[in-house]
N, C-alpha and C. Protein backbone atom coordinates (compact mmCIF):
# COMPACT_ATOMS: atom_id res chain seq x y z
N MET A 1 -3.18 -10.52 43.90
CA MET A 1 -2.57 -10.29 42.86
C MET A 1 -3.24 -10.82 41.33
N TRP A 2 -3.45 -12.13 41.45
CA TRP A 2 -4.44 -12.99 40.55
C TRP A 2 -5.30 -12.33 39.52
N LYS A 3 -6.25 -11.88 40.83
CA LYS A 3 -7.78 -10.99 40.52
C LYS A 3 -7.09 -9.49 39.85
N GLU A 4 -5.81 -8.96 40.47
CA GLU A 4 -6.03 -7.56 39.76
C GLU A 4 -5.19 -8.29 38.32
N PHE A 5 -4.21 -9.16 38.08
CA PHE A 5 -3.51 -9.35 37.27
C PHE A 5 -5.05 -9.64 35.84
N LYS A 6 -5.36 -10.44 36.46
CA LYS A 6 -6.78 -10.96 35.43
C LYS A 6 -7.61 -9.82 34.73
N THR A 7 -7.49 -8.75 35.63
CA THR A 7 -8.66 -7.60 35.65
C THR A 7 -7.70 -6.68 34.40
N PHE A 8 -6.32 -6.66 34.71
CA PHE A 8 -6.10 -6.00 33.74
C PHE A 8 -5.79 -6.37 32.10
N ALA A 9 -5.55 -7.86 32.39
CA ALA A 9 -5.06 -8.89 30.92
C ALA A 9 -6.35 -8.71 30.31
N PHE A 10 -7.38 -9.06 30.58
CA PHE A 10 -8.66 -8.79 30.07
C PHE A 10 -9.56 -7.91 30.24
N LYS A 11 -8.82 -6.72 29.83
CA LYS A 11 -9.59 -5.09 29.92
C LYS A 11 -9.73 -5.27 28.69
N GLY A 12 -10.82 -4.65 27.79
CA GLY A 12 -10.97 -4.72 26.71
C GLY A 12 -9.59 -3.23 25.97
N ASN A 13 -9.15 -2.41 26.36
CA ASN A 13 -7.78 -2.00 26.00
C ASN A 13 -6.75 -3.29 25.65
N VAL A 14 -6.53 -3.93 26.40
CA VAL A 14 -5.04 -4.70 26.14
C VAL A 14 -5.64 -5.57 25.29
N LEU A 15 -7.08 -6.32 24.93
CA LEU A 15 -7.35 -7.22 23.80
C LEU A 15 -7.24 -6.54 22.79
N ASP A 16 -7.76 -5.10 22.74
CA ASP A 16 -7.74 -4.17 21.55
C ASP A 16 -6.35 -3.95 21.25
N LEU A 17 -5.59 -3.58 21.90
CA LEU A 17 -4.24 -3.96 21.80
C LEU A 17 -3.51 -5.43 20.84
N ALA A 18 -3.38 -6.09 21.71
CA ALA A 18 -3.22 -7.37 20.84
C ALA A 18 -3.50 -7.54 19.77
N ILE A 19 -5.11 -7.17 19.30
CA ILE A 19 -5.69 -7.63 18.26
C ILE A 19 -4.99 -6.41 16.74
N ALA A 20 -4.54 -5.31 17.53
CA ALA A 20 -3.96 -4.48 16.77
C ALA A 20 -2.92 -4.60 16.43
N VAL A 21 -1.88 -4.83 17.48
CA VAL A 21 -0.51 -5.94 17.08
C VAL A 21 -0.30 -6.97 16.14
N ILE A 22 -1.43 -7.52 15.89
CA ILE A 22 -1.29 -8.88 14.87
C ILE A 22 -1.96 -8.38 14.11
N ILE A 23 -2.83 -7.39 13.58
CA ILE A 23 -3.57 -7.11 12.33
C ILE A 23 -2.33 -6.50 11.45
N GLY A 24 -1.35 -5.50 12.52
CA GLY A 24 -0.39 -4.72 12.31
C GLY A 24 0.49 -5.25 11.45
N ALA A 25 1.06 -6.59 12.23
CA ALA A 25 2.06 -6.93 11.62
C ALA A 25 1.81 -7.65 10.14
N ALA A 26 0.61 -7.97 10.02
CA ALA A 26 -0.40 -8.52 8.50
C ALA A 26 0.02 -7.49 7.88
N PHE A 27 -0.39 -6.43 8.08
CA PHE A 27 -0.72 -5.14 7.54
C PHE A 27 1.04 -4.74 6.99
N GLY A 28 1.76 -4.99 7.82
CA GLY A 28 3.56 -5.30 7.62
C GLY A 28 3.72 -5.70 6.40
N LYS A 29 3.43 -6.96 6.56
CA LYS A 29 3.88 -7.94 5.43
C LYS A 29 3.28 -7.62 4.16
N ILE A 30 1.68 -7.09 4.02
CA ILE A 30 1.07 -6.83 2.56
C ILE A 30 1.92 -5.59 2.04
N VAL A 31 2.27 -4.33 3.25
CA VAL A 31 3.26 -3.31 2.55
C VAL A 31 4.71 -3.78 1.79
N SER A 32 5.29 -4.66 2.38
CA SER A 32 5.92 -4.71 2.52
C SER A 32 6.30 -5.67 0.90
N SER A 33 5.59 -6.59 0.79
CA SER A 33 5.54 -7.30 -0.69
C SER A 33 4.99 -5.98 -1.54
N VAL A 34 4.10 -5.28 -1.28
CA VAL A 34 3.66 -4.16 -2.26
C VAL A 34 5.25 -3.46 -2.71
N VAL A 35 5.95 -2.99 -1.52
CA VAL A 35 7.00 -2.45 -1.94
C VAL A 35 7.88 -3.24 -2.67
N ASP A 36 8.42 -4.48 -2.32
CA ASP A 36 9.11 -5.34 -2.66
C ASP A 36 8.84 -5.78 -4.22
N ASP A 37 7.21 -6.20 -4.38
CA ASP A 37 7.26 -6.84 -5.49
C ASP A 37 6.86 -5.54 -6.81
N ILE A 38 6.30 -4.66 -5.97
CA ILE A 38 6.17 -3.77 -7.36
C ILE A 38 6.73 -2.49 -7.48
N ILE A 39 6.63 -1.72 -6.09
CA ILE A 39 6.78 0.05 -6.60
C ILE A 39 8.57 -0.37 -6.61
N MET A 40 9.50 -1.12 -5.89
CA MET A 40 10.60 -0.73 -6.14
C MET A 40 10.62 -1.39 -7.43
N PRO A 41 10.34 -2.25 -8.20
CA PRO A 41 10.60 -3.08 -9.79
C PRO A 41 10.70 -1.76 -10.94
N LEU A 42 9.28 -0.80 -10.18
CA LEU A 42 8.65 0.20 -11.54
C LEU A 42 9.54 1.33 -11.18
N LEU A 43 9.99 1.85 -10.01
CA LEU A 43 11.26 2.81 -9.39
C LEU A 43 12.26 2.79 -9.95
N GLY A 44 13.05 1.13 -9.88
CA GLY A 44 13.99 0.59 -10.91
C GLY A 44 14.13 0.97 -12.39
N ILE A 45 12.81 0.72 -12.72
CA ILE A 45 12.74 0.61 -14.42
C ILE A 45 12.60 2.47 -14.67
N LEU A 46 12.20 3.16 -13.72
CA LEU A 46 11.94 4.62 -14.10
C LEU A 46 12.95 5.66 -14.05
N LEU A 47 14.34 4.52 -13.43
CA LEU A 47 15.28 4.90 -12.81
C LEU A 47 16.70 4.44 -13.94
N GLY A 48 16.48 4.19 -15.07
CA GLY A 48 17.30 2.86 -15.94
C GLY A 48 17.43 1.68 -15.53
N GLY A 49 16.32 1.03 -15.21
CA GLY A 49 17.00 -0.78 -14.72
C GLY A 49 17.79 -0.57 -13.51
N LEU A 50 17.89 0.26 -12.64
CA LEU A 50 18.44 0.09 -11.50
C LEU A 50 17.96 -0.90 -10.23
N ASP A 51 18.20 -1.58 -9.60
CA ASP A 51 18.10 -2.37 -8.70
C ASP A 51 18.34 -2.29 -7.64
N PHE A 52 17.59 -1.54 -6.41
CA PHE A 52 17.94 -1.35 -5.21
C PHE A 52 18.71 -2.39 -4.26
N SER A 53 18.02 -3.22 -4.54
CA SER A 53 18.64 -4.37 -3.56
C SER A 53 20.03 -5.14 -3.66
N GLY A 54 20.48 -4.61 -4.98
CA GLY A 54 21.73 -5.07 -5.40
C GLY A 54 22.46 -4.00 -5.25
N ILE A 55 22.49 -2.70 -4.45
CA ILE A 55 23.10 -1.90 -4.01
C ILE A 55 23.46 -2.26 -2.77
N VAL A 56 25.03 -2.64 -3.03
CA VAL A 56 25.47 -3.25 -1.48
C VAL A 56 27.10 -2.42 -1.60
N ILE A 57 27.65 -2.25 -0.86
CA ILE A 57 29.27 -1.47 -0.41
C ILE A 57 29.65 -2.35 -0.04
N GLU A 58 31.01 -2.96 -0.24
CA GLU A 58 32.01 -4.05 0.56
C GLU A 58 33.36 -3.47 0.94
N VAL A 59 33.42 -3.46 2.30
CA VAL A 59 34.19 -2.92 2.94
C VAL A 59 35.14 -4.17 3.93
N ASN A 60 36.16 -4.36 2.94
CA ASN A 60 36.75 -5.65 3.73
C ASN A 60 35.76 -6.51 3.76
N GLU A 61 35.69 -7.17 4.68
CA GLU A 61 34.92 -8.60 4.49
C GLU A 61 33.36 -8.21 5.37
N ALA A 62 33.08 -7.09 5.33
CA ALA A 62 31.74 -6.74 5.66
C ALA A 62 31.08 -6.16 4.49
N SER A 63 29.82 -6.33 4.21
CA SER A 63 28.89 -5.64 2.87
C SER A 63 27.89 -5.45 3.85
N ILE A 64 27.71 -3.84 3.23
CA ILE A 64 27.06 -2.77 3.82
C ILE A 64 25.61 -2.56 2.76
N LYS A 65 24.15 -3.11 2.90
CA LYS A 65 23.32 -3.45 1.96
C LYS A 65 22.20 -2.06 2.06
N ILE A 66 23.32 -1.04 1.58
CA ILE A 66 22.06 0.05 0.75
C ILE A 66 21.06 0.25 0.41
N GLY A 67 21.02 -0.70 -0.37
CA GLY A 67 19.77 -1.04 -1.23
C GLY A 67 18.42 -1.64 -0.22
N SER A 68 18.92 -2.50 0.37
CA SER A 68 17.94 -3.36 1.60
C SER A 68 17.44 -1.71 2.59
N PHE A 69 18.15 -1.55 2.87
CA PHE A 69 17.84 0.31 3.95
C PHE A 69 17.29 1.05 3.67
N ILE A 70 17.26 1.16 1.76
CA ILE A 70 16.36 2.16 1.08
C ILE A 70 14.82 1.42 1.25
N GLN A 71 14.98 0.26 0.83
CA GLN A 71 13.62 -0.61 0.78
C GLN A 71 12.86 -0.20 1.68
N THR A 72 13.61 -0.57 3.08
CA THR A 72 13.28 -0.59 4.29
C THR A 72 12.32 1.16 4.68
N ILE A 73 13.26 2.06 4.58
CA ILE A 73 12.63 3.21 4.82
C ILE A 73 11.36 3.34 3.89
N ILE A 74 11.35 3.14 2.39
CA ILE A 74 10.01 3.24 1.59
C ILE A 74 9.10 2.20 2.31
N ASP A 75 9.68 0.93 2.68
CA ASP A 75 8.17 0.37 3.47
C ASP A 75 7.97 1.18 4.39
N PHE A 76 8.75 1.75 5.11
CA PHE A 76 7.87 2.66 6.85
C PHE A 76 7.32 3.63 6.35
N LEU A 77 7.80 4.45 5.17
CA LEU A 77 7.12 5.77 4.69
C LEU A 77 5.82 5.14 4.24
N ILE A 78 5.38 3.95 3.59
CA ILE A 78 3.98 3.68 3.14
C ILE A 78 3.35 3.37 4.17
N ILE A 79 3.92 2.48 5.02
CA ILE A 79 3.26 2.40 6.06
C ILE A 79 2.73 3.25 6.91
N ALA A 80 3.46 4.11 7.07
CA ALA A 80 2.81 5.59 8.01
C ALA A 80 2.14 5.96 6.87
N PHE A 81 2.14 6.37 6.12
CA PHE A 81 1.67 7.33 5.10
C PHE A 81 -0.14 6.50 5.08
N SER A 82 -0.10 5.36 4.76
CA SER A 82 -1.22 4.57 5.20
C SER A 82 -2.19 4.28 6.12
N ILE A 83 -1.44 4.07 7.74
CA ILE A 83 -1.91 4.38 8.70
C ILE A 83 -2.47 5.81 8.87
N PHE A 84 -1.86 6.59 8.46
CA PHE A 84 -2.24 8.54 8.61
C PHE A 84 -3.79 8.62 7.81
N LEU A 85 -3.54 8.00 6.46
CA LEU A 85 -4.57 8.35 5.67
C LEU A 85 -5.97 7.43 6.47
N PHE A 86 -5.63 6.23 6.91
CA PHE A 86 -6.68 5.36 7.45
C PHE A 86 -7.30 6.25 9.20
N ILE A 87 -6.57 6.81 9.71
CA ILE A 87 -6.76 7.26 10.80
C ILE A 87 -7.38 8.20 10.19
N LYS A 88 -7.18 9.33 9.63
CA LYS A 88 -7.77 10.70 9.43
C LYS A 88 -9.10 9.77 8.83
N LEU A 89 -9.42 8.53 8.45
CA LEU A 89 -10.71 8.45 7.68
C LEU A 89 -11.76 8.05 8.63
N LEU A 90 -11.28 7.50 9.60
CA LEU A 90 -11.87 7.12 11.27
C LEU A 90 -12.37 8.17 11.57
N ASN A 91 -11.27 9.23 11.97
CA ASN A 91 -11.60 10.36 12.42
C ASN A 91 -12.66 11.25 11.74
N LYS A 92 -12.55 11.02 10.58
CA LYS A 92 -13.83 11.46 9.77
C LYS A 92 -15.28 11.10 10.45
N PHE A 93 -15.20 9.71 9.79
CA PHE A 93 -16.45 8.86 10.07
C PHE A 93 -16.84 8.99 12.00
N LYS A 94 -16.16 9.25 12.59
CA LYS A 94 -15.95 9.26 14.01
C LYS A 94 -17.12 10.36 14.29
N ASN A 95 -16.33 11.83 14.00
CA ASN A 95 -16.88 13.15 13.57
C ASN A 95 -18.31 13.27 13.25
N LYS A 96 -18.74 12.61 12.19
CA LYS A 96 -20.35 12.60 11.97
C LYS A 96 -21.11 11.83 13.14
N ALA A 97 -20.47 10.84 13.58
CA ALA A 97 -21.40 10.01 14.14
C ALA A 97 -21.71 10.75 15.41
N GLU A 98 -20.43 11.47 16.14
CA GLU A 98 -21.01 11.95 17.66
C GLU A 98 -21.51 13.25 17.26
N PRO A 99 -22.85 13.52 18.18
CA PRO A 99 -23.38 14.75 17.90
C PRO A 99 -22.78 15.75 18.66
N GLU A 100 -23.20 17.11 17.88
CA GLU A 100 -22.37 18.07 18.53
C GLU A 100 -23.03 18.26 20.22
N PRO A 101 -22.34 18.61 21.08
CA PRO A 101 -23.04 19.04 22.17
C PRO A 101 -23.46 20.14 22.35
N GLU A 102 -24.98 20.45 23.01
CA GLU A 102 -25.83 21.14 22.78
C GLU A 102 -25.30 21.67 23.76
N LYS A 103 -26.08 23.43 23.40
CA LYS A 103 -24.93 24.43 24.36
C LYS A 103 -26.01 24.16 25.65
N PRO A 104 -25.64 24.70 26.55
CA PRO A 104 -26.38 24.59 28.42
C PRO A 104 -27.84 25.64 27.91
N ALA A 105 -28.62 25.77 28.52
CA ALA A 105 -29.89 26.09 28.31
C ALA A 105 -29.55 27.17 29.49
N GLU A 106 -30.11 28.54 29.02
CA GLU A 106 -29.99 29.43 29.41
C GLU A 106 -30.81 29.28 30.81
N PRO A 107 -30.52 30.44 32.16
CA PRO A 107 -31.02 29.96 33.23
C PRO A 107 -32.52 30.41 33.45
N SER A 108 -33.42 30.11 34.11
CA SER A 108 -34.93 30.31 33.80
C SER A 108 -35.02 31.72 34.54
N ASN A 109 -36.27 32.39 34.29
CA ASN A 109 -36.39 33.52 35.11
C ASN A 109 -36.24 33.56 36.94
N GLU A 110 -36.56 32.52 37.26
CA GLU A 110 -36.19 31.92 38.68
C GLU A 110 -34.71 31.97 38.96
N GLU A 111 -34.24 31.59 38.07
CA GLU A 111 -32.78 30.92 38.50
C GLU A 111 -32.14 32.35 38.13
N LYS A 112 -32.39 33.45 37.14
CA LYS A 112 -32.13 34.86 37.56
C LYS A 112 -31.84 35.84 38.44
N LEU A 113 -33.51 35.61 38.89
CA LEU A 113 -33.50 36.37 40.29
C LEU A 113 -33.16 35.90 41.34
N LEU A 114 -32.98 34.66 41.08
CA LEU A 114 -32.18 34.40 42.74
C LEU A 114 -30.72 34.47 42.60
N THR A 115 -30.37 34.35 41.61
CA THR A 115 -28.71 34.62 41.15
C THR A 115 -28.74 36.34 42.11
N GLU A 116 -29.40 36.96 41.42
CA GLU A 116 -29.46 38.71 41.69
C GLU A 116 -29.40 38.54 43.07
N ILE A 117 -30.51 37.95 44.01
CA ILE A 117 -30.75 37.57 45.10
C ILE A 117 -29.49 37.73 45.99
N ARG A 118 -28.88 36.38 45.66
CA ARG A 118 -27.93 36.27 46.30
C ARG A 118 -26.44 37.43 46.17
N ASP A 119 -26.31 37.57 44.55
CA ASP A 119 -25.90 38.71 44.51
C ASP A 119 -25.50 39.72 45.54
N LEU A 120 -26.86 40.15 45.93
CA LEU A 120 -27.38 41.54 46.59
C LEU A 120 -26.86 41.09 48.14
N LEU A 121 -27.19 40.25 48.72
CA LEU A 121 -26.93 39.49 50.03
C LEU A 121 -25.77 39.51 49.85
N LYS A 122 -24.51 38.65 49.01
CA LYS A 122 -23.21 39.06 49.05
C LYS A 122 -22.48 40.23 49.33
N ASN A 123 -23.22 41.40 48.49
CA ASN A 123 -22.46 42.32 48.55
C ASN A 123 -22.84 43.34 50.04
N LYS A 124 -23.75 43.08 50.22
CA LYS A 124 -24.47 44.03 52.19
C LYS A 124 -23.64 43.36 53.12
């Protein structure tokens, strides 16, 4: 069981996934900062000084933070769009790097003749 676990844990795919999660978390922080510190203030200015983080609905003792929710949605959309563009770019490089598969060579005259003989024998 230990040997199987070592094989699983140290496969390239698992390590690649762990690295991707760590880089993704760091990327998420960067995008959150861009949204919180640049995009949302600019959006607020365009909308007449509206600060999304201040939009709160009070119901009895509970506060519903609509502005925070809007910022989270914008974070998600920017992260998703950034990842989409990155994957699209990677696929473009990947498609250029992979040569097109070669067409199978046509059978030689000998192979054609043997195929005809096989078909004739099959029909008899």
